[in-house]
Amino acid sequence: MVHTEHNRSKNSGGFALIIFGALLLFLAPNIYPEMPDLGTVSLFGGMVIGGIGFYLKFIKTRQRRT
């Protein structure tokens, strides 16, 4: 059909990664306060996951339009 590309879903899961990264960033260090190493790893992991989600949601779609 002619309009198959237009009707296709454009969800890449970027928004879900942003939400998951934010939850990991804020909640994980508070769950096990007696393990500071785990809190540090979850802090950086949340930033990385959120950054990947931000790239997929906003940066990648802008590059495709131009």
C-alpha atoms as a PDB file:
ATOM      1  CA  MET A   1       0.000   0.000   0.000  1.00  0.00           C
ATOM      2  CA  VAL A   2       1.201   3.533  -0.675  1.00  0.00           C
ATOM      3  CA  HIS A   3       0.882   4.851   2.857  1.00  0.00           C
ATOM      4  CA  THR A   4       2.538   2.035   4.785  1.00  0.00           C
ATOM      5  CA  GLU A   5       5.522   4.156   5.817  1.00  0.00           C
ATOM      6  CA  HIS A   6       3.251   6.954   6.958  1.00  0.00           C
ATOM      7  CA  ASN A   7       1.091   4.650   9.083  1.00  0.00           C
ATOM      8  CA  ARG A   8       3.979   2.801  10.706  1.00  0.00           C
ATOM      9  CA  SER A   9       4.600   3.395  14.415  1.00  0.00           C
ATOM     10  CA  LYS A  10       7.597   5.625  15.160  1.00  0.00           C
ATOM     11  CA  ASN A  11       8.043   4.595  18.790  1.00  0.00           C
ATOM     12  CA  SER A  12      11.618   3.692  19.532  1.00  0.00           C
ATOM     13  CA  GLY A  13      11.264   3.149  23.270  1.00  0.00           C
ATOM     14  CA  GLY A  14      13.260   6.277  24.022  1.00  0.00           C
ATOM     15  CA  PHE A  15      10.686   7.694  26.419  1.00  0.00           C
ATOM     16  CA  ALA A  16      10.614   4.443  28.407  1.00  0.00           C
ATOM     17  CA  LEU A  17      14.399   4.533  28.692  1.00  0.00           C
ATOM     18  CA  ILE A  18      14.283   8.118  29.956  1.00  0.00           C
ATOM     19  CA  ILE A  19      11.747   7.144  32.643  1.00  0.00           C
ATOM     20  CA  PHE A  20      13.697   4.012  33.626  1.00  0.00           C
ATOM     21  CA  GLY A  21      16.948   5.985  33.818  1.00  0.00           C
ATOM     22  CA  ALA A  22      15.328   8.625  36.021  1.00  0.00           C
ATOM     23  CA  LEU A  23      13.887   5.998  38.353  1.00  0.00           C
ATOM     24  CA  LEU A  24      17.240   4.256  38.574  1.00  0.00           C
ATOM     25  CA  LEU A  25      18.979   7.563  39.169  1.00  0.00           C
ATOM     26  CA  PHE A  26      16.774   8.571  42.093  1.00  0.00           C
ATOM     27  CA  LEU A  27      15.557   5.340  43.683  1.00  0.00           C
ATOM     28  CA  ALA A  28      18.389   2.837  43.484  1.00  0.00           C
ATOM     29  CA  PRO A  29      20.868   4.620  45.812  1.00  0.00           C
ATOM     30  CA  ASN A  30      18.149   4.853  48.473  1.00  0.00           C
ATOM     31  CA  ILE A  31      17.184   1.167  48.390  1.00  0.00           C
ATOM     32  CA  TYR A  32      20.492  -0.167  49.774  1.00  0.00           C
ATOM     33  CA  PRO A  33      22.188   2.687  51.643  1.00  0.00           C
ATOM     34  CA  GLU A  34      24.668   0.288  53.287  1.00  0.00           C
ATOM     35  CA  MET A  35      26.237  -0.430  49.859  1.00  0.00           C
ATOM     36  CA  PRO A  36      27.690   2.851  48.566  1.00  0.00           C
ATOM     37  CA  ASP A  37      29.348   1.127  45.578  1.00  0.00           C
ATOM     38  CA  LEU A  38      25.988  -0.042  44.287  1.00  0.00           C
ATOM     39  CA  GLY A  39      24.587   3.459  44.716  1.00  0.00           C
ATOM     40  CA  THR A  40      27.436   4.962  42.670  1.00  0.00           C
ATOM     41  CA  VAL A  41      27.048   2.410  39.891  1.00  0.00           C
ATOM     42  CA  SER A  42      23.280   2.962  39.774  1.00  0.00           C
ATOM     43  CA  LEU A  43      23.820   6.731  39.655  1.00  0.00           C
ATOM     44  CA  PHE A  44      26.008   6.477  36.559  1.00  0.00           C
ATOM     45  CA  GLY A  45      23.833   3.725  35.092  1.00  0.00           C
ATOM     46  CA  GLY A  46      20.763   5.930  35.380  1.00  0.00           C
ATOM     47  CA  MET A  47      22.574   8.746  33.619  1.00  0.00           C
ATOM     48  CA  VAL A  48      23.715   6.484  30.802  1.00  0.00           C
ATOM     49  CA  ILE A  49      20.308   4.852  30.295  1.00  0.00           C
ATOM     50  CA  GLY A  50      18.562   8.224  30.392  1.00  0.00           C
ATOM     51  CA  GLY A  51      21.089   9.640  27.927  1.00  0.00           C
ATOM     52  CA  ILE A  52      20.479   6.793  25.494  1.00  0.00           C
ATOM     53  CA  GLY A  53      16.729   7.331  25.808  1.00  0.00           C
ATOM     54  CA  PHE A  54      17.146  11.071  25.211  1.00  0.00           C
ATOM     55  CA  TYR A  55      19.205  10.365  22.103  1.00  0.00           C
ATOM     56  CA  LEU A  56      16.627   7.932  20.726  1.00  0.00           C
ATOM     57  CA  LYS A  57      13.663  10.171  21.501  1.00  0.00           C
ATOM     58  CA  PHE A  58      14.897  13.627  20.505  1.00  0.00           C
ATOM     59  CA  ILE A  59      18.276  13.692  18.730  1.00  0.00           C
ATOM     60  CA  LYS A  60      17.801  10.765  16.355  1.00  0.00           C
ATOM     61  CA  THR A  61      14.394  11.980  15.151  1.00  0.00           C
ATOM     62  CA  ARG A  62      15.754  15.471  14.420  1.00  0.00           C
ATOM     63  CA  GLN A  63      18.602  14.061  12.353  1.00  0.00           C
ATOM     64  CA  ARG A  64      16.153  12.027  10.313  1.00  0.00           C
ATOM     65  CA  ARG A  65      14.008  15.042   9.428  1.00  0.00           C
ATOM     66  CA  THR A  66      16.823  17.078   7.906  1.00  0.00           C
END
